N, C-alpha and C. Protein backbone atom coordinates (compact mmCIF):
# COMPACT_ATOMS: atom_id res chain seq x y z
N MET A 1 0.85 -1.18 0.00
CA MET A 1 0.00 0.00 0.00
C MET A 1 0.89 1.24 0.00
N ALA A 2 0.57 2.20 -0.83
CA ALA A 2 1.36 3.42 -0.96
C ALA A 2 1.17 4.34 0.25
N VAL A 3 2.26 4.98 0.64
CA VAL A 3 2.22 5.95 1.73
C VAL A 3 1.55 7.23 1.23
N THR A 4 0.70 7.82 2.05
CA THR A 4 -0.01 9.05 1.67
C THR A 4 0.45 10.22 2.53
N LYS A 5 0.04 11.42 2.12
CA LYS A 5 0.32 12.63 2.89
C LYS A 5 -0.25 12.49 4.31
N ALA A 6 -1.46 11.96 4.41
CA ALA A 6 -2.10 11.78 5.72
C ALA A 6 -1.29 10.83 6.61
N ASP A 7 -0.73 9.77 6.02
CA ASP A 7 0.10 8.84 6.79
C ASP A 7 1.28 9.58 7.42
N LEU A 8 1.96 10.40 6.61
CA LEU A 8 3.13 11.13 7.09
C LEU A 8 2.74 12.20 8.11
N GLU A 9 1.64 12.91 7.86
CA GLU A 9 1.17 13.92 8.82
C GLU A 9 0.87 13.29 10.18
N ASN A 10 0.26 12.11 10.17
CA ASN A 10 -0.08 11.42 11.42
C ASN A 10 1.15 10.93 12.17
N ARG A 11 2.22 10.63 11.46
CA ARG A 11 3.44 10.14 12.08
C ARG A 11 4.32 11.27 12.63
N TRP A 12 4.19 12.47 12.08
CA TRP A 12 5.07 13.59 12.43
C TRP A 12 4.81 14.08 13.85
N GLN A 13 5.89 14.27 14.62
CA GLN A 13 5.83 14.85 15.96
C GLN A 13 6.62 16.15 15.92
N ASN A 14 6.07 17.23 16.46
CA ASN A 14 6.71 18.55 16.39
C ASN A 14 7.79 18.77 17.43
N SER A 15 8.37 17.70 17.93
CA SER A 15 9.50 17.80 18.86
C SER A 15 10.30 16.51 18.72
N THR A 16 11.52 16.53 19.22
CA THR A 16 12.36 15.34 19.15
C THR A 16 13.11 15.14 20.46
N THR A 17 13.37 13.89 20.79
CA THR A 17 14.16 13.55 21.97
C THR A 17 15.55 13.06 21.57
N VAL A 18 15.84 13.07 20.27
CA VAL A 18 17.12 12.60 19.75
C VAL A 18 18.21 13.63 20.04
N THR A 19 19.38 13.15 20.39
CA THR A 19 20.54 14.01 20.63
C THR A 19 21.36 14.11 19.35
N PHE A 20 21.75 15.32 19.00
CA PHE A 20 22.52 15.57 17.79
C PHE A 20 23.93 16.02 18.13
N GLY A 21 24.87 15.67 17.26
CA GLY A 21 26.26 16.10 17.40
C GLY A 21 26.63 17.02 16.26
N ASN A 22 27.86 17.52 16.27
CA ASN A 22 28.33 18.42 15.22
C ASN A 22 28.27 17.79 13.83
N ALA A 23 28.49 16.48 13.74
CA ALA A 23 28.47 15.78 12.46
C ALA A 23 27.07 15.74 11.84
N ASP A 24 26.03 15.96 12.64
CA ASP A 24 24.65 15.92 12.16
C ASP A 24 24.20 17.26 11.58
N LYS A 25 25.01 18.31 11.75
CA LYS A 25 24.63 19.65 11.30
C LYS A 25 25.22 19.90 9.91
N LYS A 26 24.34 20.18 8.94
CA LYS A 26 24.77 20.40 7.55
C LYS A 26 23.85 21.43 6.90
N ALA A 27 24.30 21.97 5.78
CA ALA A 27 23.46 22.89 5.00
C ALA A 27 22.33 22.12 4.31
N ILE A 28 22.65 20.92 3.80
CA ILE A 28 21.67 20.07 3.10
C ILE A 28 21.81 18.65 3.61
N HIS A 29 20.68 18.02 3.90
CA HIS A 29 20.65 16.62 4.34
C HIS A 29 19.89 15.82 3.28
N HIS A 30 20.37 14.62 2.99
CA HIS A 30 19.70 13.74 2.03
C HIS A 30 19.73 12.32 2.59
N PHE A 31 18.55 11.72 2.73
CA PHE A 31 18.43 10.35 3.21
C PHE A 31 17.64 9.56 2.17
N ASP A 32 18.31 8.61 1.52
CA ASP A 32 17.65 7.79 0.50
C ASP A 32 16.56 6.93 1.12
N ALA A 33 15.62 6.55 0.29
CA ALA A 33 14.56 5.62 0.72
C ALA A 33 15.18 4.26 0.99
N THR A 34 14.62 3.53 1.94
CA THR A 34 15.06 2.18 2.24
C THR A 34 13.85 1.24 2.20
N THR A 35 14.12 -0.04 2.39
CA THR A 35 13.04 -1.04 2.35
C THR A 35 12.48 -1.32 3.74
N SER A 36 12.98 -0.62 4.75
CA SER A 36 12.47 -0.83 6.11
C SER A 36 12.20 0.51 6.80
N GLU A 37 11.36 0.47 7.84
CA GLU A 37 11.08 1.66 8.63
C GLU A 37 12.31 2.06 9.43
N ARG A 38 12.45 3.36 9.69
CA ARG A 38 13.52 3.86 10.55
C ARG A 38 13.04 5.16 11.17
N THR A 39 13.74 5.64 12.15
CA THR A 39 13.38 6.90 12.78
C THR A 39 14.14 8.04 12.14
N PHE A 40 13.42 9.05 11.68
CA PHE A 40 14.03 10.28 11.17
C PHE A 40 13.81 11.36 12.22
N ALA A 41 14.87 12.13 12.50
CA ALA A 41 14.76 13.22 13.48
C ALA A 41 15.52 14.43 12.97
N CYS A 42 15.01 15.61 13.30
CA CYS A 42 15.69 16.84 12.89
C CYS A 42 15.52 17.91 13.96
N GLU A 43 16.45 18.86 13.93
CA GLU A 43 16.43 19.95 14.89
C GLU A 43 16.77 21.23 14.16
N SER A 44 15.89 22.22 14.24
CA SER A 44 16.10 23.55 13.65
C SER A 44 16.33 23.52 12.15
N CYS A 45 15.64 22.64 11.44
CA CYS A 45 15.74 22.59 9.98
C CYS A 45 14.81 23.64 9.37
N GLU A 46 15.28 24.31 8.32
CA GLU A 46 14.47 25.33 7.65
C GLU A 46 13.29 24.69 6.91
N GLU A 47 13.58 23.58 6.21
CA GLU A 47 12.54 22.89 5.45
C GLU A 47 12.89 21.41 5.37
N ILE A 48 11.87 20.57 5.48
CA ILE A 48 12.04 19.12 5.39
C ILE A 48 11.03 18.62 4.36
N LEU A 49 11.50 17.87 3.38
CA LEU A 49 10.64 17.32 2.34
C LEU A 49 10.64 15.80 2.44
N PHE A 50 9.46 15.21 2.42
CA PHE A 50 9.30 13.77 2.44
C PHE A 50 8.79 13.38 1.05
N ILE A 51 9.59 12.58 0.33
CA ILE A 51 9.39 12.34 -1.10
C ILE A 51 9.18 10.86 -1.36
N ASP A 52 8.20 10.54 -2.19
CA ASP A 52 7.92 9.14 -2.52
C ASP A 52 8.82 8.65 -3.65
N GLY A 53 8.65 7.39 -4.04
CA GLY A 53 9.47 6.77 -5.08
C GLY A 53 9.31 7.38 -6.45
N ASP A 54 8.21 8.09 -6.69
CA ASP A 54 7.97 8.76 -7.97
C ASP A 54 8.59 10.15 -8.01
N GLY A 55 9.16 10.60 -6.89
CA GLY A 55 9.76 11.93 -6.83
C GLY A 55 8.78 13.01 -6.41
N SER A 56 7.59 12.63 -6.01
CA SER A 56 6.58 13.60 -5.58
C SER A 56 6.73 13.90 -4.09
N THR A 57 6.69 15.19 -3.74
CA THR A 57 6.75 15.59 -2.34
C THR A 57 5.38 15.35 -1.71
N LEU A 58 5.33 14.45 -0.73
CA LEU A 58 4.07 14.12 -0.07
C LEU A 58 3.78 15.01 1.12
N PHE A 59 4.85 15.49 1.80
CA PHE A 59 4.67 16.23 3.03
C PHE A 59 5.85 17.15 3.24
N ARG A 60 5.58 18.36 3.74
CA ARG A 60 6.61 19.34 4.06
C ARG A 60 6.49 19.71 5.53
N ALA A 61 7.63 19.91 6.16
CA ALA A 61 7.65 20.35 7.55
C ALA A 61 8.85 21.27 7.74
N GLY A 62 8.96 21.82 8.92
CA GLY A 62 10.09 22.67 9.24
C GLY A 62 10.29 22.69 10.74
N GLY A 63 11.47 23.16 11.16
CA GLY A 63 11.75 23.25 12.59
C GLY A 63 12.33 21.96 13.13
N SER A 64 11.84 21.54 14.27
CA SER A 64 12.33 20.33 14.93
C SER A 64 11.21 19.30 15.02
N GLY A 65 11.58 18.03 14.90
CA GLY A 65 10.59 16.98 15.02
C GLY A 65 11.17 15.62 14.69
N GLN A 66 10.30 14.63 14.72
CA GLN A 66 10.73 13.28 14.37
C GLN A 66 9.53 12.46 13.92
N MET A 67 9.83 11.35 13.23
CA MET A 67 8.78 10.41 12.84
C MET A 67 9.39 9.05 12.58
N LYS A 68 8.55 8.03 12.67
CA LYS A 68 8.92 6.70 12.23
C LYS A 68 8.71 6.72 10.72
N LEU A 69 9.81 6.82 9.99
CA LEU A 69 9.77 7.00 8.54
C LEU A 69 9.43 5.69 7.85
N PRO A 70 8.36 5.67 7.04
CA PRO A 70 7.99 4.44 6.35
C PRO A 70 9.02 4.06 5.29
N SER A 71 9.04 2.80 4.92
CA SER A 71 9.91 2.37 3.82
C SER A 71 9.47 3.06 2.54
N GLY A 72 10.40 3.26 1.63
CA GLY A 72 10.09 3.86 0.33
C GLY A 72 10.01 5.38 0.33
N ILE A 73 10.30 6.03 1.46
CA ILE A 73 10.23 7.49 1.54
C ILE A 73 11.64 8.07 1.70
N MET A 74 11.97 9.01 0.81
CA MET A 74 13.25 9.72 0.85
C MET A 74 13.03 11.05 1.58
N VAL A 75 14.07 11.54 2.24
CA VAL A 75 13.97 12.81 2.96
C VAL A 75 15.08 13.74 2.51
N ARG A 76 14.72 15.00 2.27
CA ARG A 76 15.69 16.07 2.03
C ARG A 76 15.36 17.17 3.02
N ALA A 77 16.39 17.67 3.68
CA ALA A 77 16.20 18.74 4.65
C ALA A 77 17.24 19.82 4.45
N LYS A 78 16.85 21.06 4.74
CA LYS A 78 17.75 22.21 4.58
C LYS A 78 18.08 22.78 5.95
N GLY A 79 19.38 22.90 6.22
CA GLY A 79 19.85 23.50 7.46
C GLY A 79 19.63 22.64 8.69
N GLY A 80 20.09 23.12 9.81
CA GLY A 80 19.89 22.43 11.07
C GLY A 80 20.64 21.12 11.17
N SER A 81 20.16 20.26 12.04
CA SER A 81 20.74 18.93 12.27
C SER A 81 19.69 17.88 11.94
N ALA A 82 20.13 16.77 11.35
CA ALA A 82 19.19 15.69 11.01
C ALA A 82 19.91 14.37 10.99
N LYS A 83 19.14 13.30 11.25
CA LYS A 83 19.70 11.95 11.15
C LYS A 83 18.57 10.94 11.05
N CYS A 84 18.94 9.77 10.51
CA CYS A 84 18.06 8.62 10.48
C CYS A 84 18.69 7.54 11.35
N LEU A 85 17.88 6.92 12.18
CA LEU A 85 18.37 5.89 13.11
C LEU A 85 17.77 4.54 12.77
C-alpha cells in the first residue's frame, strides 16, 4: 500500500528527543529511501521534504521533530541537524 500525505502527517511529531552532534549539522541533508522503517529526526531545519518513489513531495515540515519514517520514503532537509536511526 502506498504511503499518503495523511500517513506522514499522522506520524510527524513537532518535537524530538534525539541528541545531535556536530556531524549531524549540515546545510543540506539527504536520506535515501530504504526497504524498512527507521526513525528520522531533525532539529532547527528550515525545510524538510518527504518524497515518494515517484519523486513527488508528499509532506513538508520545518523546525524540529521526528517520525517513524515508512519504507520507500526519501527525505531532504535544509539546514539544522538531522539523522536517520
